[in-house]
Amino acid sequence: MAKILIADDEAPVREVLRDLLTDAGYEVEEAADGEEALRRFRATTPDLVITDILMPKAGGLNLLRELRELAPSLPVIAISGGGKDGKLNFLSTAAMFPGVRTLKKPFHMTELLRLVDAGLASVI
């Protein structure tokens, strides 16, 4: 069973993603910010990471930099709604990291599952 780490500062988002992914047969770890995500990554070595971009304490872009140093081939899905006004586009920056797929909030759960499956298939 593949292990997925979800990093998002919004508990309801983590809960929905956790339920979706566990129902799909994945083992899920959660983190509320980039620092916690990095600690959990080091402790559990997930097969894929889903990270929000805008989070407190080391946001998603910082987390991506660290993950690329620790695990260059780790599949990552970066998600973002673009900030409070929805106009910021950090996903284009996240997409510049190798092996990172992006998804703009709100998104369809089937699209997320498709990216998860594709990401995990790329490391098998």
N, C-alpha and C. Protein backbone atom coordinates (compact mmCIF):
# COMPACT_ATOMS: atom_id res chain seq x y z
N MET A 1 0.84 -1.17 0.00
CA MET A 1 0.00 0.00 0.00
C MET A 1 0.89 1.24 0.00
N ALA A 2 0.64 2.14 -0.93
CA ALA A 2 1.43 3.37 -1.04
C ALA A 2 1.07 4.32 0.10
N LYS A 3 2.08 5.06 0.54
CA LYS A 3 1.91 6.02 1.63
C LYS A 3 1.97 7.44 1.06
N ILE A 4 0.98 8.25 1.43
CA ILE A 4 0.89 9.62 0.93
C ILE A 4 0.90 10.59 2.11
N LEU A 5 1.69 11.64 1.99
CA LEU A 5 1.73 12.71 2.98
C LEU A 5 0.97 13.91 2.44
N ILE A 6 0.00 14.39 3.21
CA ILE A 6 -0.77 15.58 2.85
C ILE A 6 -0.31 16.73 3.75
N ALA A 7 0.11 17.84 3.15
CA ALA A 7 0.49 19.04 3.90
C ALA A 7 -0.43 20.18 3.49
N ASP A 8 -1.29 20.59 4.41
CA ASP A 8 -2.21 21.69 4.15
C ASP A 8 -2.58 22.30 5.49
N ASP A 9 -2.59 23.63 5.57
CA ASP A 9 -2.90 24.29 6.83
C ASP A 9 -4.39 24.32 7.14
N GLU A 10 -5.22 23.93 6.21
CA GLU A 10 -6.67 23.91 6.43
C GLU A 10 -7.11 22.49 6.79
N ALA A 11 -7.52 22.31 8.06
CA ALA A 11 -7.93 20.99 8.54
C ALA A 11 -9.06 20.38 7.70
N PRO A 12 -10.07 21.14 7.28
CA PRO A 12 -11.13 20.53 6.46
C PRO A 12 -10.60 19.98 5.13
N VAL A 13 -9.63 20.65 4.53
CA VAL A 13 -9.04 20.17 3.28
C VAL A 13 -8.30 18.86 3.54
N ARG A 14 -7.50 18.84 4.60
CA ARG A 14 -6.78 17.60 4.94
C ARG A 14 -7.75 16.46 5.19
N GLU A 15 -8.84 16.74 5.87
CA GLU A 15 -9.82 15.70 6.19
C GLU A 15 -10.45 15.12 4.92
N VAL A 16 -10.86 15.98 4.00
CA VAL A 16 -11.47 15.52 2.75
C VAL A 16 -10.47 14.70 1.95
N LEU A 17 -9.24 15.19 1.84
CA LEU A 17 -8.21 14.47 1.09
C LEU A 17 -7.87 13.15 1.75
N ARG A 18 -7.75 13.16 3.08
CA ARG A 18 -7.47 11.92 3.82
C ARG A 18 -8.55 10.88 3.56
N ASP A 19 -9.82 11.29 3.68
CA ASP A 19 -10.92 10.35 3.47
C ASP A 19 -10.92 9.80 2.05
N LEU A 20 -10.71 10.67 1.07
CA LEU A 20 -10.69 10.25 -0.33
C LEU A 20 -9.57 9.23 -0.57
N LEU A 21 -8.39 9.55 -0.07
CA LEU A 21 -7.23 8.70 -0.33
C LEU A 21 -7.27 7.39 0.45
N THR A 22 -7.76 7.41 1.67
CA THR A 22 -7.87 6.16 2.42
C THR A 22 -8.94 5.27 1.80
N ASP A 23 -10.04 5.87 1.34
CA ASP A 23 -11.07 5.10 0.64
C ASP A 23 -10.52 4.47 -0.64
N ALA A 24 -9.54 5.14 -1.26
CA ALA A 24 -8.92 4.62 -2.48
C ALA A 24 -7.83 3.59 -2.17
N GLY A 25 -7.59 3.32 -0.89
CA GLY A 25 -6.65 2.28 -0.51
C GLY A 25 -5.25 2.74 -0.16
N TYR A 26 -5.06 4.05 0.02
CA TYR A 26 -3.75 4.57 0.37
C TYR A 26 -3.62 4.77 1.88
N GLU A 27 -2.40 4.68 2.37
CA GLU A 27 -2.09 5.03 3.75
C GLU A 27 -1.75 6.51 3.75
N VAL A 28 -2.31 7.27 4.71
CA VAL A 28 -2.18 8.72 4.68
C VAL A 28 -1.59 9.25 5.98
N GLU A 29 -0.63 10.17 5.84
CA GLU A 29 -0.09 10.96 6.93
C GLU A 29 -0.49 12.41 6.67
N GLU A 30 -0.61 13.21 7.73
CA GLU A 30 -1.02 14.60 7.58
C GLU A 30 -0.06 15.54 8.29
N ALA A 31 0.04 16.76 7.76
CA ALA A 31 0.82 17.83 8.38
C ALA A 31 0.11 19.15 8.15
N ALA A 32 0.19 20.04 9.15
CA ALA A 32 -0.52 21.32 9.07
C ALA A 32 0.33 22.46 8.53
N ASP A 33 1.62 22.22 8.31
CA ASP A 33 2.49 23.25 7.75
C ASP A 33 3.73 22.60 7.17
N GLY A 34 4.56 23.40 6.53
CA GLY A 34 5.74 22.87 5.86
C GLY A 34 6.76 22.25 6.80
N GLU A 35 6.94 22.84 7.99
CA GLU A 35 7.90 22.29 8.95
C GLU A 35 7.45 20.91 9.44
N GLU A 36 6.18 20.79 9.78
CA GLU A 36 5.65 19.50 10.23
C GLU A 36 5.73 18.48 9.10
N ALA A 37 5.44 18.92 7.89
CA ALA A 37 5.51 18.01 6.73
C ALA A 37 6.92 17.45 6.55
N LEU A 38 7.90 18.30 6.72
CA LEU A 38 9.28 17.85 6.58
C LEU A 38 9.65 16.84 7.67
N ARG A 39 9.22 17.11 8.88
CA ARG A 39 9.46 16.15 9.97
C ARG A 39 8.79 14.81 9.68
N ARG A 40 7.55 14.85 9.25
CA ARG A 40 6.82 13.61 8.96
C ARG A 40 7.43 12.88 7.76
N PHE A 41 7.90 13.64 6.78
CA PHE A 41 8.55 13.02 5.62
C PHE A 41 9.77 12.23 6.08
N ARG A 42 10.58 12.85 6.90
CA ARG A 42 11.79 12.18 7.37
C ARG A 42 11.47 10.95 8.22
N ALA A 43 10.37 11.00 8.95
CA ALA A 43 10.00 9.89 9.84
C ALA A 43 9.32 8.74 9.11
N THR A 44 8.59 9.04 8.04
CA THR A 44 7.76 8.01 7.41
C THR A 44 8.13 7.68 5.97
N THR A 45 8.90 8.51 5.31
CA THR A 45 9.29 8.33 3.92
C THR A 45 8.11 7.94 3.02
N PRO A 46 7.19 8.88 2.77
CA PRO A 46 6.04 8.58 1.93
C PRO A 46 6.44 8.36 0.47
N ASP A 47 5.52 7.75 -0.27
CA ASP A 47 5.73 7.49 -1.69
C ASP A 47 5.34 8.67 -2.56
N LEU A 48 4.52 9.58 -2.01
CA LEU A 48 4.03 10.75 -2.74
C LEU A 48 3.65 11.80 -1.72
N VAL A 49 3.82 13.07 -2.07
CA VAL A 49 3.43 14.18 -1.20
C VAL A 49 2.45 15.07 -1.94
N ILE A 50 1.39 15.45 -1.24
CA ILE A 50 0.46 16.47 -1.73
C ILE A 50 0.63 17.66 -0.80
N THR A 51 1.01 18.81 -1.37
CA THR A 51 1.24 19.98 -0.52
C THR A 51 0.53 21.21 -1.04
N ASP A 52 -0.06 21.93 -0.10
CA ASP A 52 -0.57 23.27 -0.39
C ASP A 52 0.65 24.16 -0.56
N ILE A 53 0.49 25.25 -1.25
CA ILE A 53 1.61 26.17 -1.44
C ILE A 53 1.65 27.22 -0.34
N LEU A 54 0.50 27.80 -0.03
CA LEU A 54 0.46 28.87 0.96
C LEU A 54 0.12 28.29 2.33
N MET A 55 1.15 28.14 3.16
CA MET A 55 1.00 27.61 4.51
C MET A 55 1.93 28.39 5.43
N PRO A 56 1.61 28.42 6.73
CA PRO A 56 2.54 29.06 7.68
C PRO A 56 3.76 28.17 7.91
N LYS A 57 4.78 28.74 8.52
CA LYS A 57 5.98 27.99 8.88
C LYS A 57 6.53 27.19 7.71
N ALA A 58 7.26 27.75 6.86
CA ALA A 58 7.82 27.06 5.71
C ALA A 58 6.71 26.60 4.78
N GLY A 59 6.33 27.44 3.87
CA GLY A 59 5.25 27.14 2.93
C GLY A 59 5.62 26.04 1.96
N GLY A 60 4.74 25.82 1.03
CA GLY A 60 4.90 24.73 0.08
C GLY A 60 6.12 24.84 -0.83
N LEU A 61 6.48 26.04 -1.23
CA LEU A 61 7.66 26.18 -2.10
C LEU A 61 8.93 25.82 -1.33
N ASN A 62 9.00 26.22 -0.07
CA ASN A 62 10.16 25.82 0.75
C ASN A 62 10.18 24.31 0.94
N LEU A 63 9.02 23.74 1.17
CA LEU A 63 8.93 22.29 1.32
C LEU A 63 9.39 21.60 0.03
N LEU A 64 8.98 22.12 -1.12
CA LEU A 64 9.41 21.52 -2.39
C LEU A 64 10.92 21.55 -2.54
N ARG A 65 11.55 22.66 -2.17
CA ARG A 65 13.01 22.75 -2.25
C ARG A 65 13.68 21.68 -1.39
N GLU A 66 13.19 21.54 -0.16
CA GLU A 66 13.75 20.54 0.75
C GLU A 66 13.52 19.13 0.24
N LEU A 67 12.32 18.86 -0.25
CA LEU A 67 12.02 17.51 -0.75
C LEU A 67 12.89 17.16 -1.95
N ARG A 68 13.16 18.13 -2.81
CA ARG A 68 13.98 17.86 -3.99
C ARG A 68 15.41 17.52 -3.57
N GLU A 69 15.89 18.11 -2.48
CA GLU A 69 17.23 17.78 -1.98
C GLU A 69 17.25 16.39 -1.35
N LEU A 70 16.20 16.06 -0.61
CA LEU A 70 16.15 14.79 0.11
C LEU A 70 15.76 13.61 -0.79
N ALA A 71 14.84 13.86 -1.72
CA ALA A 71 14.30 12.78 -2.56
C ALA A 71 13.99 13.34 -3.95
N PRO A 72 15.01 13.46 -4.80
CA PRO A 72 14.83 14.12 -6.09
C PRO A 72 13.75 13.51 -6.99
N SER A 73 13.48 12.23 -6.86
CA SER A 73 12.50 11.61 -7.75
C SER A 73 11.12 11.42 -7.10
N LEU A 74 10.93 11.92 -5.89
CA LEU A 74 9.65 11.80 -5.20
C LEU A 74 8.56 12.53 -5.97
N PRO A 75 7.44 11.86 -6.30
CA PRO A 75 6.34 12.56 -6.94
C PRO A 75 5.62 13.48 -5.95
N VAL A 76 5.34 14.70 -6.39
CA VAL A 76 4.69 15.70 -5.55
C VAL A 76 3.56 16.33 -6.35
N ILE A 77 2.44 16.55 -5.66
CA ILE A 77 1.33 17.30 -6.24
C ILE A 77 1.19 18.57 -5.41
N ALA A 78 1.35 19.72 -6.07
CA ALA A 78 1.22 21.02 -5.40
C ALA A 78 -0.18 21.54 -5.69
N ILE A 79 -0.87 21.97 -4.62
CA ILE A 79 -2.21 22.51 -4.76
C ILE A 79 -2.26 23.92 -4.19
N SER A 80 -3.10 24.76 -4.78
CA SER A 80 -3.23 26.12 -4.26
C SER A 80 -4.48 26.76 -4.83
N GLY A 81 -5.08 27.60 -3.99
CA GLY A 81 -6.22 28.39 -4.44
C GLY A 81 -5.81 29.80 -4.83
N GLY A 82 -4.53 30.12 -4.67
CA GLY A 82 -4.04 31.43 -5.10
C GLY A 82 -4.13 32.51 -4.06
N GLY A 83 -4.22 32.17 -2.79
CA GLY A 83 -4.28 33.19 -1.75
C GLY A 83 -5.70 33.65 -1.49
N LYS A 84 -5.84 34.60 -0.57
CA LYS A 84 -7.18 35.04 -0.16
C LYS A 84 -7.98 35.63 -1.30
N ASP A 85 -7.32 36.33 -2.20
CA ASP A 85 -8.06 36.93 -3.33
C ASP A 85 -8.04 36.04 -4.56
N GLY A 86 -7.33 34.91 -4.49
CA GLY A 86 -7.31 33.96 -5.60
C GLY A 86 -6.49 34.40 -6.79
N LYS A 87 -5.75 35.51 -6.68
CA LYS A 87 -5.03 36.06 -7.83
C LYS A 87 -3.56 35.67 -7.89
N LEU A 88 -3.02 35.09 -6.82
CA LEU A 88 -1.61 34.73 -6.83
C LEU A 88 -1.43 33.39 -7.54
N ASN A 89 -0.39 33.28 -8.35
CA ASN A 89 -0.19 32.04 -9.09
C ASN A 89 1.16 31.41 -8.74
N PHE A 90 1.20 30.81 -7.56
CA PHE A 90 2.41 30.12 -7.12
C PHE A 90 2.55 28.76 -7.78
N LEU A 91 1.46 28.27 -8.38
CA LEU A 91 1.53 26.95 -9.01
C LEU A 91 2.48 26.94 -10.20
N SER A 92 2.61 28.07 -10.90
CA SER A 92 3.54 28.11 -12.02
C SER A 92 4.98 27.97 -11.52
N THR A 93 5.28 28.53 -10.36
CA THR A 93 6.61 28.37 -9.76
C THR A 93 6.80 26.93 -9.30
N ALA A 94 5.78 26.35 -8.67
CA ALA A 94 5.87 24.96 -8.20
C ALA A 94 6.09 24.01 -9.37
N ALA A 95 5.48 24.29 -10.50
CA ALA A 95 5.60 23.42 -11.67
C ALA A 95 7.02 23.39 -12.25
N MET A 96 7.85 24.35 -11.86
CA MET A 96 9.23 24.39 -12.34
C MET A 96 10.11 23.34 -11.67
N PHE A 97 9.66 22.83 -10.52
CA PHE A 97 10.40 21.78 -9.83
C PHE A 97 10.20 20.46 -10.56
N PRO A 98 11.26 19.69 -10.78
CA PRO A 98 11.11 18.40 -11.47
C PRO A 98 10.17 17.46 -10.71
N GLY A 99 9.30 16.79 -11.47
CA GLY A 99 8.42 15.79 -10.89
C GLY A 99 7.23 16.34 -10.12
N VAL A 100 6.98 17.64 -10.23
CA VAL A 100 5.86 18.24 -9.52
C VAL A 100 4.70 18.48 -10.48
N ARG A 101 3.57 17.94 -10.10
CA ARG A 101 2.33 18.21 -10.84
C ARG A 101 1.55 19.23 -10.03
N THR A 102 0.71 20.02 -10.69
CA THR A 102 -0.02 21.07 -9.98
C THR A 102 -1.52 20.92 -10.20
N LEU A 103 -2.26 21.45 -9.22
CA LEU A 103 -3.72 21.39 -9.27
C LEU A 103 -4.26 22.62 -8.55
N LYS A 104 -5.11 23.38 -9.25
CA LYS A 104 -5.68 24.60 -8.66
C LYS A 104 -6.94 24.27 -7.88
N LYS A 105 -7.01 24.79 -6.65
CA LYS A 105 -8.21 24.65 -5.83
C LYS A 105 -9.27 25.62 -6.35
N PRO A 106 -10.52 25.27 -6.33
CA PRO A 106 -11.06 23.94 -6.03
C PRO A 106 -10.86 23.01 -7.23
N PHE A 107 -10.72 21.74 -6.95
CA PHE A 107 -10.51 20.76 -8.01
C PHE A 107 -11.45 19.58 -7.79
N HIS A 108 -11.61 18.79 -8.84
CA HIS A 108 -12.43 17.58 -8.75
C HIS A 108 -11.59 16.46 -8.15
N MET A 109 -12.18 15.70 -7.28
CA MET A 109 -11.46 14.61 -6.62
C MET A 109 -10.96 13.57 -7.62
N THR A 110 -11.69 13.37 -8.70
CA THR A 110 -11.24 12.41 -9.71
C THR A 110 -9.94 12.88 -10.36
N GLU A 111 -9.79 14.19 -10.51
CA GLU A 111 -8.55 14.73 -11.08
C GLU A 111 -7.38 14.51 -10.12
N LEU A 112 -7.62 14.71 -8.83
CA LEU A 112 -6.56 14.46 -7.85
C LEU A 112 -6.16 12.99 -7.86
N LEU A 113 -7.13 12.10 -7.86
CA LEU A 113 -6.82 10.67 -7.89
C LEU A 113 -6.06 10.28 -9.15
N ARG A 114 -6.39 10.90 -10.27
CA ARG A 114 -5.67 10.64 -11.52
C ARG A 114 -4.21 11.05 -11.38
N LEU A 115 -3.97 12.21 -10.78
CA LEU A 115 -2.58 12.68 -10.59
C LEU A 115 -1.83 11.80 -9.59
N VAL A 116 -2.52 11.37 -8.54
CA VAL A 116 -1.89 10.48 -7.56
C VAL A 116 -1.48 9.18 -8.24
N ASP A 117 -2.41 8.58 -8.98
CA ASP A 117 -2.10 7.33 -9.68
C ASP A 117 -0.95 7.50 -10.67
N ALA A 118 -0.96 8.61 -11.42
CA ALA A 118 0.11 8.87 -12.39
C ALA A 118 1.44 9.08 -11.68
N GLY A 119 1.42 9.81 -10.59
CA GLY A 119 2.65 10.06 -9.84
C GLY A 119 3.23 8.79 -9.27
N LEU A 120 2.39 7.95 -8.72
CA LEU A 120 2.88 6.69 -8.15
C LEU A 120 3.34 5.74 -9.23
N ALA A 121 2.68 5.75 -10.38
CA ALA A 121 3.08 4.89 -11.49
C ALA A 121 4.45 5.28 -12.02
N SER A 122 4.81 6.55 -11.88
CA SER A 122 6.10 7.02 -12.41
C SER A 122 7.28 6.54 -11.58
N VAL A 123 7.03 6.08 -10.36
CA VAL A 123 8.13 5.62 -9.51
C VAL A 123 8.20 4.11 -9.41
N ILE A 124 7.25 3.42 -10.00
CA ILE A 124 7.25 1.95 -9.94
C ILE A 124 8.15 1.37 -11.00
